[in-house]
C-alpha cells in the first residue's frame, strides 16, 4: 500500500531515495545538475512533453538546457508518494521567460532500481495550458481552441 513519503509542512521522508531526489530538485542550480544526474541510473529513461531521452548524460543535458533557455527556474514539490519501486511527485516549476514570471504545474512518475537510482522518469504536464496559452500570439489561438473543444465552456 502506498503511503505519503513526507508529511505536509515537513521534510522528513520515509523513503530516503525520494528524499534525496526532492532535495536535488528543490535546490537545483546549474552548478548542481551533476548532483541530480547522479541519482539516475546510467541507462535511465526520461520523458516529458518535449523530450524523450535515455541515459544519465542525456538527463543532465535536459536540466542544463533548461537553465540556458529560461531564467530563474525553480521547482517546488508539494507532495511525494512512494510504493515499492514506484514514486510520484506533484510539483510547480517557477520560471521567468522574456521578462514574464510563469509557473508550470505537473506530476512526475518515477521508478527506482534496486540500488535506489531512478530508471524511469515521466513528467506529466499540459504544455498547451501551462505554456502555449501564456505566450503572445499563439496564446490567443490556444485559448480559443480550448474554448471551442471544451464541453463545459459557456
N, C-alpha and C. Protein backbone atom coordinates (compact mmCIF):
# COMPACT_ATOMS: atom_id res chain seq x y z
N UNK A 1 0.84 -1.17 0.00
CA UNK A 1 0.00 0.00 0.00
C UNK A 1 0.88 1.24 0.00
N UNK A 2 0.48 2.24 -0.77
CA UNK A 2 1.26 3.47 -0.83
C UNK A 2 1.01 4.31 0.41
N UNK A 3 2.01 5.08 0.75
CA UNK A 3 1.90 5.97 1.89
C UNK A 3 2.65 7.24 1.55
N UNK A 4 2.24 8.37 2.14
CA UNK A 4 2.94 9.61 1.85
C UNK A 4 4.42 9.48 2.19
N UNK A 5 5.26 9.97 1.30
CA UNK A 5 6.69 9.91 1.54
C UNK A 5 7.12 10.98 2.53
N UNK A 6 6.33 12.03 2.64
CA UNK A 6 6.60 13.02 3.67
C UNK A 6 5.30 13.67 4.08
N UNK A 7 5.29 14.21 5.27
CA UNK A 7 4.10 14.87 5.78
C UNK A 7 4.08 16.32 5.33
N UNK A 8 2.89 16.88 5.01
CA UNK A 8 2.83 18.29 4.63
C UNK A 8 3.48 19.17 5.68
N UNK A 9 4.24 20.14 5.24
CA UNK A 9 4.92 21.05 6.15
C UNK A 9 6.19 20.49 6.74
N UNK A 10 6.52 19.26 6.39
CA UNK A 10 7.71 18.60 6.92
C UNK A 10 8.60 18.17 5.77
N UNK A 11 9.85 18.02 6.01
CA UNK A 11 10.76 17.48 5.01
C UNK A 11 11.40 16.20 5.53
N UNK A 12 10.66 15.47 6.35
CA UNK A 12 11.11 14.16 6.82
C UNK A 12 10.54 13.10 5.88
N UNK A 13 11.41 12.38 5.22
CA UNK A 13 10.98 11.40 4.23
C UNK A 13 11.10 9.99 4.77
N UNK A 14 10.04 9.21 4.61
CA UNK A 14 10.10 7.79 4.95
C UNK A 14 10.91 7.05 3.89
N UNK A 15 10.88 7.54 2.66
CA UNK A 15 11.61 6.92 1.55
C UNK A 15 12.84 7.78 1.25
N UNK A 16 14.01 7.31 1.66
CA UNK A 16 15.23 8.11 1.51
C UNK A 16 15.57 8.39 0.06
N UNK A 17 15.25 7.45 -0.85
CA UNK A 17 15.51 7.69 -2.29
C UNK A 17 14.76 8.93 -2.74
N UNK A 18 13.51 8.99 -2.34
CA UNK A 18 12.66 10.11 -2.74
C UNK A 18 13.10 11.40 -2.06
N UNK A 19 13.52 11.31 -0.81
CA UNK A 19 14.01 12.48 -0.10
C UNK A 19 15.21 13.11 -0.78
N UNK A 20 16.16 12.28 -1.21
CA UNK A 20 17.34 12.79 -1.92
C UNK A 20 16.93 13.47 -3.23
N UNK A 21 16.00 12.85 -3.95
CA UNK A 21 15.58 13.39 -5.23
C UNK A 21 14.84 14.72 -5.07
N UNK A 22 13.92 14.79 -4.12
CA UNK A 22 13.18 16.04 -3.88
C UNK A 22 14.15 17.15 -3.50
N UNK A 23 15.10 16.86 -2.62
CA UNK A 23 16.09 17.87 -2.23
C UNK A 23 16.88 18.34 -3.44
N UNK A 24 17.28 17.41 -4.30
CA UNK A 24 18.05 17.78 -5.50
C UNK A 24 17.22 18.66 -6.44
N UNK A 25 15.93 18.35 -6.60
CA UNK A 25 15.07 19.17 -7.45
C UNK A 25 14.87 20.56 -6.86
N UNK A 26 14.58 20.62 -5.56
CA UNK A 26 14.25 21.91 -4.95
C UNK A 26 15.47 22.81 -4.77
N UNK A 27 16.67 22.27 -4.85
CA UNK A 27 17.88 23.08 -4.72
C UNK A 27 18.68 23.13 -6.02
N UNK A 28 18.05 22.74 -7.12
CA UNK A 28 18.74 22.63 -8.41
C UNK A 28 19.23 23.98 -8.92
N UNK A 29 20.50 24.02 -9.30
CA UNK A 29 21.12 25.17 -9.95
C UNK A 29 21.99 24.62 -11.08
N UNK A 30 22.49 25.49 -11.96
CA UNK A 30 23.40 24.98 -12.99
C UNK A 30 24.59 24.23 -12.39
N UNK A 31 25.04 24.65 -11.22
CA UNK A 31 26.20 24.01 -10.59
C UNK A 31 25.87 22.66 -9.97
N UNK A 32 24.57 22.36 -9.75
CA UNK A 32 24.21 21.10 -9.09
C UNK A 32 23.50 20.11 -10.01
N UNK A 33 23.49 20.38 -11.31
CA UNK A 33 22.87 19.44 -12.25
C UNK A 33 23.51 18.06 -12.13
N UNK A 34 24.83 18.01 -11.94
CA UNK A 34 25.51 16.72 -11.81
C UNK A 34 25.09 15.97 -10.54
N UNK A 35 24.76 16.70 -9.48
CA UNK A 35 24.28 16.08 -8.25
C UNK A 35 22.94 15.38 -8.52
N UNK A 36 22.05 16.08 -9.23
CA UNK A 36 20.77 15.47 -9.61
C UNK A 36 21.00 14.28 -10.53
N UNK A 37 21.83 14.44 -11.54
CA UNK A 37 22.07 13.37 -12.51
C UNK A 37 22.62 12.11 -11.85
N UNK A 38 23.40 12.27 -10.79
CA UNK A 38 23.98 11.11 -10.10
C UNK A 38 22.91 10.23 -9.45
N UNK A 39 21.71 10.76 -9.28
CA UNK A 39 20.62 9.99 -8.69
C UNK A 39 19.90 9.12 -9.73
N UNK A 40 20.30 9.26 -10.99
CA UNK A 40 19.72 8.50 -12.09
C UNK A 40 20.65 7.36 -12.49
N UNK A 41 20.07 6.22 -12.87
CA UNK A 41 20.86 5.09 -13.36
C UNK A 41 21.47 5.46 -14.70
N UNK A 42 22.56 4.80 -15.05
CA UNK A 42 23.26 5.08 -16.31
C UNK A 42 22.33 5.00 -17.52
N UNK A 43 21.41 4.06 -17.53
CA UNK A 43 20.51 3.90 -18.68
C UNK A 43 19.12 4.46 -18.45
N UNK A 44 18.97 5.42 -17.54
CA UNK A 44 17.66 5.97 -17.19
C UNK A 44 16.92 6.50 -18.41
N UNK A 45 15.59 6.37 -18.36
CA UNK A 45 14.71 6.89 -19.41
C UNK A 45 13.96 8.09 -18.85
N UNK A 46 14.02 9.23 -19.55
CA UNK A 46 13.37 10.47 -19.14
C UNK A 46 12.43 10.90 -20.26
N UNK A 47 11.19 11.23 -19.88
CA UNK A 47 10.23 11.71 -20.88
C UNK A 47 9.38 12.82 -20.29
N UNK A 48 9.21 13.89 -21.07
CA UNK A 48 8.30 14.98 -20.74
C UNK A 48 7.64 15.42 -22.04
N UNK A 49 6.81 16.48 -22.03
CA UNK A 49 6.14 16.85 -23.28
C UNK A 49 7.08 17.24 -24.42
N UNK A 50 8.34 17.55 -24.14
CA UNK A 50 9.26 17.99 -25.19
C UNK A 50 10.44 17.06 -25.42
N UNK A 51 10.70 16.14 -24.52
CA UNK A 51 11.90 15.30 -24.59
C UNK A 51 11.58 13.84 -24.33
N UNK A 52 12.35 12.98 -24.96
CA UNK A 52 12.27 11.54 -24.71
C UNK A 52 13.68 11.01 -24.91
N UNK A 53 14.43 10.87 -23.80
CA UNK A 53 15.85 10.53 -23.89
C UNK A 53 16.19 9.36 -22.97
N UNK A 54 17.32 8.75 -23.26
CA UNK A 54 17.85 7.66 -22.43
C UNK A 54 19.30 7.97 -22.06
N UNK A 55 19.63 7.66 -20.82
CA UNK A 55 21.00 7.83 -20.36
C UNK A 55 21.16 8.98 -19.39
N UNK A 56 22.02 8.77 -18.40
CA UNK A 56 22.27 9.78 -17.37
C UNK A 56 22.75 11.10 -17.98
N UNK A 57 23.66 11.03 -18.95
CA UNK A 57 24.19 12.25 -19.57
C UNK A 57 23.08 13.02 -20.28
N UNK A 58 22.16 12.30 -20.93
CA UNK A 58 21.05 12.96 -21.63
C UNK A 58 20.10 13.62 -20.64
N UNK A 59 19.87 12.98 -19.49
CA UNK A 59 19.04 13.58 -18.45
C UNK A 59 19.70 14.86 -17.94
N UNK A 60 20.99 14.81 -17.67
CA UNK A 60 21.71 16.00 -17.22
C UNK A 60 21.60 17.12 -18.25
N UNK A 61 21.68 16.77 -19.53
CA UNK A 61 21.58 17.77 -20.59
C UNK A 61 20.21 18.45 -20.59
N UNK A 62 19.14 17.69 -20.33
CA UNK A 62 17.79 18.26 -20.26
C UNK A 62 17.76 19.40 -19.24
N UNK A 63 18.30 19.14 -18.05
CA UNK A 63 18.26 20.14 -16.99
C UNK A 63 19.24 21.29 -17.25
N UNK A 64 20.40 21.01 -17.80
CA UNK A 64 21.33 22.09 -18.17
C UNK A 64 20.71 22.98 -19.23
N UNK A 65 20.06 22.37 -20.20
CA UNK A 65 19.39 23.12 -21.27
C UNK A 65 18.29 24.02 -20.71
N UNK A 66 17.57 23.52 -19.69
CA UNK A 66 16.52 24.32 -19.05
C UNK A 66 17.10 25.63 -18.54
N UNK A 67 18.27 25.57 -17.89
CA UNK A 67 18.89 26.78 -17.35
C UNK A 67 19.36 27.73 -18.45
N UNK A 68 19.65 27.20 -19.64
CA UNK A 68 20.05 28.04 -20.77
C UNK A 68 18.85 28.72 -21.42
N UNK A 69 17.67 28.10 -21.35
CA UNK A 69 16.51 28.59 -22.08
C UNK A 69 15.59 29.50 -21.28
N UNK A 70 15.54 29.33 -19.97
CA UNK A 70 14.65 30.15 -19.13
C UNK A 70 15.45 30.74 -17.98
N UNK A 71 14.90 31.80 -17.41
CA UNK A 71 15.56 32.46 -16.29
C UNK A 71 14.96 32.00 -14.96
N UNK A 72 15.81 31.83 -14.00
CA UNK A 72 15.43 31.53 -12.61
C UNK A 72 14.47 30.36 -12.46
N UNK A 73 14.72 29.22 -13.13
CA UNK A 73 13.82 28.09 -12.91
C UNK A 73 14.00 27.53 -11.50
N UNK A 74 12.88 27.16 -10.90
CA UNK A 74 12.91 26.64 -9.54
C UNK A 74 11.75 25.67 -9.36
N UNK A 75 12.02 24.51 -8.77
CA UNK A 75 10.99 23.51 -8.52
C UNK A 75 10.53 23.57 -7.07
N UNK A 76 9.23 23.46 -6.88
CA UNK A 76 8.64 23.37 -5.55
C UNK A 76 7.80 22.08 -5.52
N UNK A 77 8.20 21.13 -4.71
CA UNK A 77 7.49 19.86 -4.61
C UNK A 77 6.43 19.98 -3.52
N UNK A 78 5.17 19.71 -3.89
CA UNK A 78 4.05 19.85 -2.95
C UNK A 78 3.73 18.54 -2.24
N UNK A 79 3.87 17.43 -2.95
CA UNK A 79 3.61 16.14 -2.33
C UNK A 79 4.45 15.08 -3.01
N UNK A 80 4.72 14.03 -2.26
CA UNK A 80 5.51 12.92 -2.77
C UNK A 80 4.96 11.64 -2.15
N UNK A 81 4.91 10.60 -2.96
CA UNK A 81 4.37 9.33 -2.50
C UNK A 81 5.18 8.21 -3.13
N UNK A 82 5.39 7.14 -2.39
CA UNK A 82 6.10 6.00 -2.95
C UNK A 82 5.38 4.71 -2.60
N UNK A 83 5.57 3.73 -3.46
CA UNK A 83 5.00 2.40 -3.27
C UNK A 83 5.98 1.41 -3.89
N UNK A 84 6.84 0.84 -3.08
CA UNK A 84 7.85 -0.06 -3.61
C UNK A 84 8.83 0.68 -4.50
N UNK A 85 8.97 0.22 -5.73
CA UNK A 85 9.91 0.83 -6.67
C UNK A 85 9.33 2.06 -7.36
N UNK A 86 8.04 2.33 -7.18
CA UNK A 86 7.38 3.44 -7.86
C UNK A 86 7.18 4.63 -6.93
N UNK A 87 7.23 5.82 -7.50
CA UNK A 87 7.02 7.04 -6.72
C UNK A 87 6.38 8.11 -7.60
N UNK A 88 5.74 9.07 -6.95
CA UNK A 88 5.07 10.16 -7.65
C UNK A 88 5.35 11.47 -6.93
N UNK A 89 5.54 12.52 -7.70
CA UNK A 89 5.73 13.87 -7.16
C UNK A 89 4.71 14.80 -7.80
N UNK A 90 4.13 15.68 -7.01
CA UNK A 90 3.34 16.80 -7.53
C UNK A 90 4.16 18.05 -7.29
N UNK A 91 4.32 18.88 -8.31
CA UNK A 91 5.26 19.98 -8.23
C UNK A 91 4.78 21.20 -9.02
N UNK A 92 5.42 22.32 -8.73
CA UNK A 92 5.27 23.54 -9.52
C UNK A 92 6.67 23.98 -9.90
N UNK A 93 6.84 24.29 -11.17
CA UNK A 93 8.10 24.87 -11.65
C UNK A 93 7.85 26.36 -11.84
N UNK A 94 8.62 27.17 -11.14
CA UNK A 94 8.55 28.62 -11.28
C UNK A 94 9.68 29.05 -12.21
N UNK A 95 9.41 29.98 -13.12
CA UNK A 95 10.43 30.42 -14.06
C UNK A 95 10.09 31.79 -14.60
N UNK A 96 11.07 32.38 -15.26
CA UNK A 96 10.87 33.63 -15.98
C UNK A 96 11.27 33.40 -17.42
N UNK A 97 10.42 33.91 -18.32
CA UNK A 97 10.70 33.78 -19.74
C UNK A 97 10.37 35.11 -20.40
N UNK A 98 11.39 35.71 -21.00
CA UNK A 98 11.22 37.01 -21.66
C UNK A 98 10.61 38.04 -20.73
N UNK A 99 11.08 38.03 -19.48
CA UNK A 99 10.63 39.02 -18.51
C UNK A 99 9.31 38.71 -17.85
N UNK A 100 8.67 37.61 -18.21
CA UNK A 100 7.38 37.25 -17.61
C UNK A 100 7.57 36.12 -16.61
N UNK A 101 7.00 36.28 -15.43
CA UNK A 101 7.02 35.22 -14.43
C UNK A 101 5.94 34.21 -14.78
N UNK A 102 6.31 32.95 -14.79
CA UNK A 102 5.37 31.89 -15.14
C UNK A 102 5.51 30.75 -14.15
N UNK A 103 4.48 29.90 -14.13
CA UNK A 103 4.58 28.67 -13.34
C UNK A 103 3.92 27.55 -14.13
N UNK A 104 4.50 26.38 -13.98
CA UNK A 104 4.00 25.18 -14.64
C UNK A 104 3.75 24.15 -13.55
N UNK A 105 2.54 23.62 -13.50
CA UNK A 105 2.20 22.61 -12.51
C UNK A 105 2.20 21.25 -13.17
N UNK A 106 2.77 20.27 -12.48
CA UNK A 106 2.85 18.94 -13.07
C UNK A 106 3.01 17.85 -12.05
N UNK A 107 3.10 16.65 -12.58
CA UNK A 107 3.29 15.44 -11.79
C UNK A 107 4.39 14.61 -12.45
N UNK A 108 5.19 13.97 -11.64
CA UNK A 108 6.24 13.09 -12.14
C UNK A 108 6.02 11.68 -11.60
N UNK A 109 6.10 10.70 -12.49
CA UNK A 109 6.08 9.29 -12.09
C UNK A 109 7.51 8.78 -12.20
N UNK A 110 7.98 8.16 -11.14
CA UNK A 110 9.36 7.66 -11.07
C UNK A 110 9.37 6.16 -10.81
N UNK A 111 10.41 5.50 -11.28
CA UNK A 111 10.66 4.11 -10.92
C UNK A 111 12.13 4.00 -10.54
N UNK A 112 12.38 3.37 -9.39
CA UNK A 112 13.74 3.19 -8.89
C UNK A 112 14.20 1.75 -9.13
N UNK A 113 15.51 1.59 -9.32
CA UNK A 113 16.09 0.25 -9.41
C UNK A 113 16.47 -0.23 -8.01
N UNK A 114 17.04 -1.42 -7.91
CA UNK A 114 17.41 -1.99 -6.62
C UNK A 114 18.47 -1.20 -5.88
N UNK A 115 19.26 -0.41 -6.62
CA UNK A 115 20.31 0.41 -6.00
C UNK A 115 19.77 1.78 -5.56
N UNK A 116 18.47 2.03 -5.79
CA UNK A 116 17.87 3.29 -5.39
C UNK A 116 18.04 4.41 -6.39
N UNK A 117 18.46 4.09 -7.61
CA UNK A 117 18.60 5.11 -8.64
C UNK A 117 17.37 5.14 -9.54
N UNK A 118 17.09 6.30 -10.10
CA UNK A 118 15.94 6.46 -10.98
C UNK A 118 16.23 5.78 -12.32
N UNK A 119 15.32 4.89 -12.73
CA UNK A 119 15.45 4.25 -14.04
C UNK A 119 14.38 4.74 -15.01
N UNK A 120 13.27 5.26 -14.48
CA UNK A 120 12.20 5.83 -15.30
C UNK A 120 11.75 7.15 -14.67
N UNK A 121 11.65 8.18 -15.49
CA UNK A 121 11.18 9.49 -15.05
C UNK A 121 10.22 9.98 -16.12
N UNK A 122 8.96 10.12 -15.77
CA UNK A 122 7.96 10.59 -16.74
C UNK A 122 7.24 11.78 -16.15
N UNK A 123 7.38 12.95 -16.81
CA UNK A 123 6.69 14.16 -16.38
C UNK A 123 5.38 14.30 -17.12
N UNK A 124 4.34 14.63 -16.37
CA UNK A 124 3.02 14.90 -16.94
C UNK A 124 2.65 16.34 -16.62
N UNK A 125 2.51 17.13 -17.65
CA UNK A 125 2.00 18.48 -17.51
C UNK A 125 1.45 18.92 -18.86
N UNK A 126 0.49 19.81 -18.81
CA UNK A 126 -0.23 20.25 -20.01
C UNK A 126 0.52 21.39 -20.67
N UNK A 127 1.29 21.09 -21.71
CA UNK A 127 2.09 22.11 -22.39
C UNK A 127 1.21 23.21 -22.97
N UNK A 128 0.03 22.86 -23.47
CA UNK A 128 -0.86 23.87 -24.06
C UNK A 128 -1.32 24.86 -22.99
N UNK A 129 -1.87 24.36 -21.90
CA UNK A 129 -2.40 25.25 -20.86
C UNK A 129 -1.30 25.93 -20.07
N UNK A 130 -0.26 25.20 -19.73
CA UNK A 130 0.77 25.73 -18.85
C UNK A 130 1.80 26.61 -19.56
N UNK A 131 1.91 26.48 -20.88
CA UNK A 131 2.95 27.23 -21.59
C UNK A 131 2.40 27.97 -22.80
N UNK A 132 1.87 27.24 -23.77
CA UNK A 132 1.46 27.86 -25.03
C UNK A 132 0.41 28.95 -24.84
N UNK A 133 -0.58 28.73 -23.96
CA UNK A 133 -1.64 29.72 -23.77
C UNK A 133 -1.12 31.01 -23.15
N UNK A 134 0.05 30.98 -22.57
CA UNK A 134 0.61 32.15 -21.90
C UNK A 134 1.54 32.95 -22.80
N UNK A 135 1.78 32.44 -24.01
CA UNK A 135 2.70 33.11 -24.93
C UNK A 135 1.96 34.11 -25.81
N UNK A 136 2.60 35.23 -26.13
CA UNK A 136 1.99 36.17 -27.07
C UNK A 136 1.77 35.48 -28.41
N UNK A 137 0.84 35.95 -29.18
CA UNK A 137 0.47 35.44 -30.50
C UNK A 137 -0.22 34.09 -30.44
N UNK A 138 0.50 33.05 -30.11
CA UNK A 138 -0.09 31.70 -30.12
C UNK A 138 -1.05 31.50 -28.95
N UNK A 139 -0.87 32.25 -27.86
CA UNK A 139 -1.71 32.08 -26.67
C UNK A 139 -3.18 32.29 -26.95
N UNK A 140 -3.51 33.35 -27.68
CA UNK A 140 -4.91 33.62 -28.01
C UNK A 140 -5.53 32.49 -28.82
N UNK A 141 -4.80 31.99 -29.78
CA UNK A 141 -5.29 30.88 -30.59
C UNK A 141 -5.50 29.63 -29.73
N UNK A 142 -4.59 29.34 -28.83
CA UNK A 142 -4.72 28.16 -27.98
C UNK A 142 -5.91 28.29 -27.03
N UNK A 143 -6.13 29.49 -26.46
CA UNK A 143 -7.28 29.69 -25.57
C UNK A 143 -8.59 29.54 -26.34
N UNK A 144 -8.65 30.09 -27.57
CA UNK A 144 -9.84 29.96 -28.41
C UNK A 144 -10.11 28.49 -28.71
N UNK A 145 -9.07 27.76 -29.10
CA UNK A 145 -9.22 26.35 -29.43
C UNK A 145 -9.70 25.55 -28.21
N UNK A 146 -9.17 25.85 -27.04
CA UNK A 146 -9.60 25.16 -25.82
C UNK A 146 -11.09 25.42 -25.56
N UNK A 147 -11.53 26.68 -25.72
CA UNK A 147 -12.94 27.01 -25.51
C UNK A 147 -13.82 26.27 -26.52
N UNK A 148 -13.39 26.19 -27.77
CA UNK A 148 -14.18 25.53 -28.81
C UNK A 148 -14.33 24.03 -28.54
N UNK A 149 -13.30 23.41 -28.02
CA UNK A 149 -13.30 21.97 -27.82
C UNK A 149 -13.82 21.54 -26.45
N UNK A 150 -13.98 22.49 -25.54
CA UNK A 150 -14.41 22.17 -24.19
C UNK A 150 -15.91 21.91 -24.13
N UNK A 151 -16.30 20.83 -23.49
CA UNK A 151 -17.71 20.52 -23.31
C UNK A 151 -18.33 21.39 -22.22
N UNK A 152 -17.51 22.04 -21.39
CA UNK A 152 -18.04 22.83 -20.28
C UNK A 152 -17.92 24.33 -20.49
N UNK A 153 -17.27 24.76 -21.58
CA UNK A 153 -17.12 26.20 -21.83
C UNK A 153 -18.48 26.78 -22.21
N UNK A 154 -18.78 27.94 -21.70
CA UNK A 154 -20.10 28.53 -21.93
C UNK A 154 -20.09 29.70 -22.76
